[in-house]
Protein backbone atom coordinates (compact mmCIF):
# COMPACT_ATOMS: atom_id res chain seq x y z
CA UNK A 1 0.00 0.00 0.00
CA UNK A 2 1.35 3.42 -0.95
CA UNK A 3 1.99 6.00 1.76
CA UNK A 4 -0.42 8.90 2.07
CA UNK A 5 0.64 12.15 0.38
CA UNK A 6 2.71 14.33 2.65
CA UNK A 7 1.12 17.55 3.80
CA UNK A 8 2.88 20.83 4.36
CA UNK A 9 2.74 21.33 8.15
CA UNK A 10 2.57 25.12 7.84
CA UNK A 11 -0.38 25.27 5.47
CA UNK A 12 -1.98 21.86 6.02
CA UNK A 13 -2.31 21.44 2.27
CA UNK A 14 -1.37 18.44 0.21
CA UNK A 15 1.66 19.01 -1.98
CA UNK A 16 1.02 19.03 -5.71
CA UNK A 17 3.21 18.27 -8.66
CA UNK A 18 3.49 20.93 -11.36
CA UNK A 19 3.85 19.36 -14.79
CA UNK A 20 4.90 21.51 -17.73
CA UNK A 21 4.46 20.39 -21.32
CA UNK A 22 3.23 20.90 -24.82
CA UNK A 23 -0.42 20.19 -25.58
CA UNK A 24 0.33 17.53 -28.18
CA UNK A 25 3.29 15.91 -26.39
CA UNK A 26 2.89 12.14 -26.14
CA UNK A 27 5.52 12.05 -23.38
CA UNK A 28 3.62 14.61 -21.31
CA UNK A 29 0.40 12.64 -21.83
CA UNK A 30 2.06 9.48 -20.52
CA UNK A 31 3.23 11.30 -17.40
CA UNK A 32 -0.20 12.90 -16.86
CA UNK A 33 -1.84 9.50 -17.23
CA UNK A 34 0.60 7.90 -14.79
CA UNK A 35 0.06 10.63 -12.18
CA UNK A 36 -3.72 10.40 -12.52
CA UNK A 37 -3.72 6.59 -12.19
CA UNK A 38 -1.39 6.88 -9.20
CA UNK A 39 -3.76 9.37 -7.51
CA UNK A 40 -1.07 12.04 -7.44
CA UNK A 41 -2.45 15.55 -7.42
CA UNK A 42 -0.92 17.67 -10.15
CA UNK A 43 -1.35 20.92 -12.00
CA UNK A 44 -0.90 20.82 -15.76
CA UNK A 45 0.83 23.92 -17.14
CA UNK A 46 0.68 24.03 -20.92
CA UNK A 47 3.61 25.75 -22.55
CA UNK A 48 3.97 26.82 -26.16
CA UNK A 49 7.63 27.83 -26.34
CA UNK A 50 10.92 27.86 -24.47
CA UNK A 51 10.14 31.43 -23.40
CA UNK A 52 6.87 30.24 -21.82
CA UNK A 53 8.77 27.57 -19.88
CA UNK A 54 11.40 30.04 -18.69
CA UNK A 55 8.73 32.53 -17.64
CA UNK A 56 6.88 29.83 -15.62
CA UNK A 57 10.14 28.86 -13.93
CA UNK A 58 10.86 32.49 -13.06
CA UNK A 59 14.05 32.84 -15.08
CA UNK A 60 15.09 34.56 -18.29
CA UNK A 61 16.62 33.27 -21.50
CA UNK A 62 19.93 34.95 -20.64
CA UNK A 63 20.28 32.55 -17.68
CA UNK A 64 19.34 29.50 -19.73
CA UNK A 65 22.50 29.60 -21.83
CA UNK A 66 24.76 29.30 -18.78
CA UNK A 67 27.68 31.48 -17.68
PDB file of N, CA and C in Angstrom:
ATOM      1  N   UNK A   1       0.854  -1.190   0.000  1.00  0.00           N
ATOM      2  CA  UNK A   1       0.000   0.000   0.000  1.00  0.00           C
ATOM      3  C   UNK A   1       0.889   1.238   0.000  1.00  0.00           C
ATOM      4  N   UNK A   2       0.555   2.198  -0.827  1.00  0.00           N
ATOM      5  CA  UNK A   2       1.350   3.422  -0.953  1.00  0.00           C
ATOM      6  C   UNK A   2       1.115   4.332   0.244  1.00  0.00           C
ATOM      7  N   UNK A   3       2.165   5.056   0.649  1.00  0.00           N
ATOM      8  CA  UNK A   3       1.989   5.999   1.761  1.00  0.00           C
ATOM      9  C   UNK A   3       1.088   7.154   1.348  1.00  0.00           C
ATOM     10  N   UNK A   4       0.452   7.746   2.321  1.00  0.00           N
ATOM     11  CA  UNK A   4      -0.419   8.900   2.070  1.00  0.00           C
ATOM     12  C   UNK A   4       0.432  10.078   1.624  1.00  0.00           C
ATOM     13  N   UNK A   5      -0.123  10.971   0.808  1.00  0.00           N
ATOM     14  CA  UNK A   5       0.635  12.145   0.380  1.00  0.00           C
ATOM     15  C   UNK A   5       1.044  12.974   1.585  1.00  0.00           C
ATOM     16  N   UNK A   6       2.256  13.512   1.535  1.00  0.00           N
ATOM     17  CA  UNK A   6       2.712  14.329   2.652  1.00  0.00           C
ATOM     18  C   UNK A   6       2.039  15.694   2.587  1.00  0.00           C
ATOM     19  N   UNK A   7       1.752  16.230   3.726  1.00  0.00           N
ATOM     20  CA  UNK A   7       1.115  17.546   3.804  1.00  0.00           C
ATOM     21  C   UNK A   7       2.123  18.552   4.330  1.00  0.00           C
ATOM     22  N   UNK A   8       2.027  19.759   3.877  1.00  0.00           N
ATOM     23  CA  UNK A   8       2.875  20.832   4.358  1.00  0.00           C
ATOM     24  C   UNK A   8       2.386  21.216   5.748  1.00  0.00           C
ATOM     25  N   UNK A   9       3.213  21.068   6.789  1.00  0.00           N
ATOM     26  CA  UNK A   9       2.739  21.326   8.155  1.00  0.00           C
ATOM     27  C   UNK A   9       2.340  22.772   8.401  1.00  0.00           C
ATOM     28  N   UNK A  10       2.904  23.714   7.623  1.00  0.00           N
ATOM     29  CA  UNK A  10       2.574  25.117   7.843  1.00  0.00           C
ATOM     30  C   UNK A  10       1.238  25.501   7.237  1.00  0.00           C
ATOM     31  N   UNK A  11       0.862  24.879   6.137  1.00  0.00           N
ATOM     32  CA  UNK A  11      -0.377  25.270   5.471  1.00  0.00           C
ATOM     33  C   UNK A  11      -1.434  24.180   5.518  1.00  0.00           C
ATOM     34  N   UNK A  12      -1.057  22.992   5.936  1.00  0.00           N
ATOM     35  CA  UNK A  12      -1.980  21.857   6.021  1.00  0.00           C
ATOM     36  C   UNK A  12      -2.603  21.531   4.670  1.00  0.00           C
ATOM     37  N   UNK A  13      -1.844  21.775   3.609  1.00  0.00           N
ATOM     38  CA  UNK A  13      -2.312  21.445   2.274  1.00  0.00           C
ATOM     39  C   UNK A  13      -1.485  20.294   1.721  1.00  0.00           C
ATOM     40  N   UNK A  14      -2.089  19.508   0.886  1.00  0.00           N
ATOM     41  CA  UNK A  14      -1.370  18.440   0.214  1.00  0.00           C
ATOM     42  C   UNK A  14      -0.478  19.041  -0.858  1.00  0.00           C
ATOM     43  N   UNK A  15       0.740  18.533  -0.953  1.00  0.00           N
ATOM     44  CA  UNK A  15       1.663  19.013  -1.984  1.00  0.00           C
ATOM     45  C   UNK A  15       1.202  18.528  -3.347  1.00  0.00           C
ATOM     46  N   UNK A  16       1.430  19.358  -4.342  1.00  0.00           N
ATOM     47  CA  UNK A  16       1.017  19.033  -5.706  1.00  0.00           C
ATOM     48  C   UNK A  16       2.223  19.094  -6.628  1.00  0.00           C
ATOM     49  N   UNK A  17       2.191  18.279  -7.625  1.00  0.00           N
ATOM     50  CA  UNK A  17       3.206  18.274  -8.662  1.00  0.00           C
ATOM     51  C   UNK A  17       2.791  19.275  -9.728  1.00  0.00           C
ATOM     52  N   UNK A  18       3.748  20.042 -10.221  1.00  0.00           N
ATOM     53  CA  UNK A  18       3.487  20.927 -11.359  1.00  0.00           C
ATOM     54  C   UNK A  18       4.148  20.301 -12.566  1.00  0.00           C
ATOM     55  N   UNK A  19       3.357  20.009 -13.572  1.00  0.00           N
ATOM     56  CA  UNK A  19       3.849  19.360 -14.787  1.00  0.00           C
ATOM     57  C   UNK A  19       3.732  20.335 -15.950  1.00  0.00           C
ATOM     58  N   UNK A  20       4.843  20.596 -16.601  1.00  0.00           N
ATOM     59  CA  UNK A  20       4.896  21.509 -17.726  1.00  0.00           C
ATOM     60  C   UNK A  20       5.026  20.705 -19.011  1.00  0.00           C
ATOM     61  N   UNK A  21       4.313  21.101 -20.059  1.00  0.00           N
ATOM     62  CA  UNK A  21       4.464  20.389 -21.318  1.00  0.00           C
ATOM     63  C   UNK A  21       3.669  21.007 -22.440  1.00  0.00           C
ATOM     64  N   UNK A  22       3.946  20.482 -23.618  1.00  0.00           N
ATOM     65  CA  UNK A  22       3.227  20.900 -24.818  1.00  0.00           C
ATOM     66  C   UNK A  22       1.916  20.134 -24.919  1.00  0.00           C
ATOM     67  N   UNK A  23       0.908  20.782 -25.482  1.00  0.00           N
ATOM     68  CA  UNK A  23      -0.423  20.188 -25.580  1.00  0.00           C
ATOM     69  C   UNK A  23      -0.411  18.845 -26.303  1.00  0.00           C
ATOM     70  N   UNK A  24       0.347  18.749 -27.374  1.00  0.00           N
ATOM     71  CA  UNK A  24       0.329  17.532 -28.180  1.00  0.00           C
ATOM     72  C   UNK A  24       1.503  16.589 -27.904  1.00  0.00           C
ATOM     73  N   UNK A  25       2.140  16.734 -26.743  1.00  0.00           N
ATOM     74  CA  UNK A  25       3.287  15.910 -26.395  1.00  0.00           C
ATOM     75  C   UNK A  25       2.840  14.536 -25.883  1.00  0.00           C
ATOM     76  N   UNK A  26       3.248  13.494 -26.584  1.00  0.00           N
ATOM     77  CA  UNK A  26       2.887  12.142 -26.142  1.00  0.00           C
ATOM     78  C   UNK A  26       3.592  11.796 -24.837  1.00  0.00           C
ATOM     79  N   UNK A  27       4.805  12.306 -24.623  1.00  0.00           N
ATOM     80  CA  UNK A  27       5.521  12.052 -23.376  1.00  0.00           C
ATOM     81  C   UNK A  27       4.800  12.690 -22.190  1.00  0.00           C
ATOM     82  N   UNK A  28       4.348  13.930 -22.384  1.00  0.00           N
ATOM     83  CA  UNK A  28       3.622  14.610 -21.308  1.00  0.00           C
ATOM     84  C   UNK A  28       2.314  13.887 -21.007  1.00  0.00           C
ATOM     85  N   UNK A  29       1.646  13.378 -22.041  1.00  0.00           N
ATOM     86  CA  UNK A  29       0.402  12.643 -21.826  1.00  0.00           C
ATOM     87  C   UNK A  29       0.663  11.384 -20.999  1.00  0.00           C
ATOM     88  N   UNK A  30       1.734  10.680 -21.290  1.00  0.00           N
ATOM     89  CA  UNK A  30       2.063   9.475 -20.516  1.00  0.00           C
ATOM     90  C   UNK A  30       2.291   9.798 -19.044  1.00  0.00           C
ATOM     91  N   UNK A  31       2.984  10.899 -18.788  1.00  0.00           N
ATOM     92  CA  UNK A  31       3.235  11.304 -17.396  1.00  0.00           C
ATOM     93  C   UNK A  31       1.934  11.719 -16.722  1.00  0.00           C
ATOM     94  N   UNK A  32       1.099  12.490 -17.414  1.00  0.00           N
ATOM     95  CA  UNK A  32      -0.197  12.901 -16.855  1.00  0.00           C
ATOM     96  C   UNK A  32      -1.050  11.686 -16.532  1.00  0.00           C
ATOM     97  N   UNK A  33      -1.070  10.717 -17.442  1.00  0.00           N
ATOM     98  CA  UNK A  33      -1.844   9.501 -17.234  1.00  0.00           C
ATOM     99  C   UNK A  33      -1.318   8.728 -16.025  1.00  0.00           C
ATOM    100  N   UNK A  34       0.004   8.602 -15.922  1.00  0.00           N
ATOM    101  CA  UNK A  34       0.604   7.903 -14.791  1.00  0.00           C
ATOM    102  C   UNK A  34       0.247   8.579 -13.467  1.00  0.00           C
ATOM    103  N   UNK A  35       0.376   9.903 -13.415  1.00  0.00           N
ATOM    104  CA  UNK A  35       0.059  10.630 -12.181  1.00  0.00           C
ATOM    105  C   UNK A  35      -1.412  10.466 -11.804  1.00  0.00           C
ATOM    106  N   UNK A  36      -2.294  10.553 -12.788  1.00  0.00           N
ATOM    107  CA  UNK A  36      -3.723  10.404 -12.517  1.00  0.00           C
ATOM    108  C   UNK A  36      -4.042   9.001 -12.001  1.00  0.00           C
ATOM    109  N   UNK A  37      -3.467   7.969 -12.624  1.00  0.00           N
ATOM    110  CA  UNK A  37      -3.724   6.588 -12.187  1.00  0.00           C
ATOM    111  C   UNK A  37      -3.120   6.312 -10.816  1.00  0.00           C
ATOM    112  N   UNK A  38      -2.060   7.057 -10.482  1.00  0.00           N
ATOM    113  CA  UNK A  38      -1.389   6.876  -9.197  1.00  0.00           C
ATOM    114  C   UNK A  38      -1.987   7.757  -8.101  1.00  0.00           C
ATOM    115  N   UNK A  39      -3.055   8.470  -8.429  1.00  0.00           N
ATOM    116  CA  UNK A  39      -3.759   9.366  -7.510  1.00  0.00           C
ATOM    117  C   UNK A  39      -2.792  10.402  -6.923  1.00  0.00           C
ATOM    118  N   UNK A  40      -1.974  10.957  -7.819  1.00  0.00           N
ATOM    119  CA  UNK A  40      -1.069  12.040  -7.440  1.00  0.00           C
ATOM    120  C   UNK A  40      -1.698  13.332  -7.933  1.00  0.00           C
ATOM    121  N   UNK A  41      -1.869  14.275  -7.025  1.00  0.00           N
ATOM    122  CA  UNK A  41      -2.450  15.551  -7.415  1.00  0.00           C
ATOM    123  C   UNK A  41      -1.419  16.348  -8.200  1.00  0.00           C
ATOM    124  N   UNK A  42      -1.849  16.894  -9.345  1.00  0.00           N
ATOM    125  CA  UNK A  42      -0.924  17.671 -10.151  1.00  0.00           C
ATOM    126  C   UNK A  42      -1.646  18.795 -10.861  1.00  0.00           C
ATOM    127  N   UNK A  43      -0.864  19.798 -11.203  1.00  0.00           N
ATOM    128  CA  UNK A  43      -1.348  20.920 -12.001  1.00  0.00           C
ATOM    129  C   UNK A  43      -0.654  20.838 -13.346  1.00  0.00           C
ATOM    130  N   UNK A  44      -1.428  20.858 -14.407  1.00  0.00           N
ATOM    131  CA  UNK A  44      -0.897  20.824 -15.756  1.00  0.00           C
ATOM    132  C   UNK A  44      -0.707  22.256 -16.227  1.00  0.00           C
ATOM    133  N   UNK A  45       0.517  22.595 -16.626  1.00  0.00           N
ATOM    134  CA  UNK A  45       0.825  23.918 -17.141  1.00  0.00           C
ATOM    135  C   UNK A  45       1.252  23.749 -18.588  1.00  0.00           C
ATOM    136  N   UNK A  46       0.383  24.164 -19.493  1.00  0.00           N
ATOM    137  CA  UNK A  46       0.681  24.028 -20.917  1.00  0.00           C
ATOM    138  C   UNK A  46       1.619  25.149 -21.349  1.00  0.00           C
ATOM    139  N   UNK A  47       2.674  24.763 -22.034  1.00  0.00           N
ATOM    140  CA  UNK A  47       3.609  25.753 -22.554  1.00  0.00           C
ATOM    141  C   UNK A  47       3.606  25.659 -24.082  1.00  0.00           C
ATOM    142  N   UNK A  48       3.967  26.765 -24.706  1.00  0.00           N
ATOM    143  CA  UNK A  48       3.969  26.820 -26.164  1.00  0.00           C
ATOM    144  C   UNK A  48       5.349  27.100 -26.740  1.00  0.00           C
ATOM    145  N   UNK A  49       6.285  27.504 -25.865  1.00  0.00           N
ATOM    146  CA  UNK A  49       7.628  27.832 -26.340  1.00  0.00           C
ATOM    147  C   UNK A  49       8.611  27.751 -25.181  1.00  0.00           C
ATOM    148  N   UNK A  50       9.894  27.824 -25.509  1.00  0.00           N
ATOM    149  CA  UNK A  50      10.920  27.861 -24.468  1.00  0.00           C
ATOM    150  C   UNK A  50      10.741  29.082 -23.579  1.00  0.00           C
ATOM    151  N   UNK A  51      10.356  30.210 -24.190  1.00  0.00           N
ATOM    152  CA  UNK A  51      10.137  31.433 -23.403  1.00  0.00           C
ATOM    153  C   UNK A  51       9.024  31.242 -22.387  1.00  0.00           C
ATOM    154  N   UNK A  52       7.948  30.542 -22.764  1.00  0.00           N
ATOM    155  CA  UNK A  52       6.868  30.236 -21.817  1.00  0.00           C
ATOM    156  C   UNK A  52       7.410  29.435 -20.637  1.00  0.00           C
ATOM    157  N   UNK A  53       8.215  28.424 -20.932  1.00  0.00           N
ATOM    158  CA  UNK A  53       8.767  27.572 -19.880  1.00  0.00           C
ATOM    159  C   UNK A  53       9.655  28.385 -18.948  1.00  0.00           C
ATOM    160  N   UNK A  54      10.524  29.218 -19.515  1.00  0.00           N
ATOM    161  CA  UNK A  54      11.404  30.039 -18.689  1.00  0.00           C
ATOM    162  C   UNK A  54      10.612  31.011 -17.822  1.00  0.00           C
ATOM    163  N   UNK A  55       9.569  31.596 -18.388  1.00  0.00           N
ATOM    164  CA  UNK A  55       8.726  32.527 -17.635  1.00  0.00           C
ATOM    165  C   UNK A  55       8.056  31.810 -16.464  1.00  0.00           C
ATOM    166  N   UNK A  56       7.532  30.596 -16.694  1.00  0.00           N
ATOM    167  CA  UNK A  56       6.884  29.826 -15.624  1.00  0.00           C
ATOM    168  C   UNK A  56       7.866  29.453 -14.519  1.00  0.00           C
ATOM    169  N   UNK A  57       9.118  29.236 -14.904  1.00  0.00           N
ATOM    170  CA  UNK A  57      10.141  28.864 -13.928  1.00  0.00           C
ATOM    171  C   UNK A  57      10.753  30.076 -13.238  1.00  0.00           C
ATOM    172  N   UNK A  58      10.384  31.274 -13.705  1.00  0.00           N
ATOM    173  CA  UNK A  58      10.864  32.494 -13.061  1.00  0.00           C
ATOM    174  C   UNK A  58      12.297  32.840 -13.424  1.00  0.00           C
ATOM    175  N   UNK A  59      12.698  32.522 -14.627  1.00  0.00           N
ATOM    176  CA  UNK A  59      14.052  32.842 -15.079  1.00  0.00           C
ATOM    177  C   UNK A  59      13.966  33.473 -16.454  1.00  0.00           C
ATOM    178  N   UNK A  60      15.091  33.931 -16.966  1.00  0.00           N
ATOM    179  CA  UNK A  60      15.091  34.557 -18.289  1.00  0.00           C
ATOM    180  C   UNK A  60      15.977  33.754 -19.224  1.00  0.00           C
ATOM    181  N   UNK A  61      15.845  34.016 -20.504  1.00  0.00           N
ATOM    182  CA  UNK A  61      16.616  33.274 -21.497  1.00  0.00           C
ATOM    183  C   UNK A  61      18.111  33.539 -21.364  1.00  0.00           C
ATOM    184  N   UNK A  62      18.509  34.674 -20.818  1.00  0.00           N
ATOM    185  CA  UNK A  62      19.933  34.953 -20.645  1.00  0.00           C
ATOM    186  C   UNK A  62      20.558  34.015 -19.617  1.00  0.00           C
ATOM    187  N   UNK A  63      19.768  33.498 -18.670  1.00  0.00           N
ATOM    188  CA  UNK A  63      20.278  32.551 -17.682  1.00  0.00           C
ATOM    189  C   UNK A  63      20.273  31.130 -18.213  1.00  0.00           C
ATOM    190  N   UNK A  64      19.483  30.861 -19.223  1.00  0.00           N
ATOM    191  CA  UNK A  64      19.337  29.496 -19.729  1.00  0.00           C
ATOM    192  C   UNK A  64      20.565  29.029 -20.497  1.00  0.00           C
ATOM    193  N   UNK A  65      21.332  29.957 -21.048  1.00  0.00           N
ATOM    194  CA  UNK A  65      22.500  29.595 -21.828  1.00  0.00           C
ATOM    195  C   UNK A  65      23.715  29.284 -20.965  1.00  0.00           C
ATOM    196  N   UNK A  66      23.640  29.562 -19.686  1.00  0.00           N
ATOM    197  CA  UNK A  66      24.756  29.304 -18.783  1.00  0.00           C
ATOM    198  C   UNK A  66      25.662  30.501 -18.658  1.00  0.00           C
ATOM    199  N   UNK A  67      26.763  30.337 -17.924  1.00  0.00           N
ATOM    200  CA  UNK A  67      27.683  31.476 -17.677  1.00  0.00           C
ATOM    201  C   UNK A  67      28.423  31.917 -18.914  1.00  0.00           C
TER     202      UNK A  67
END
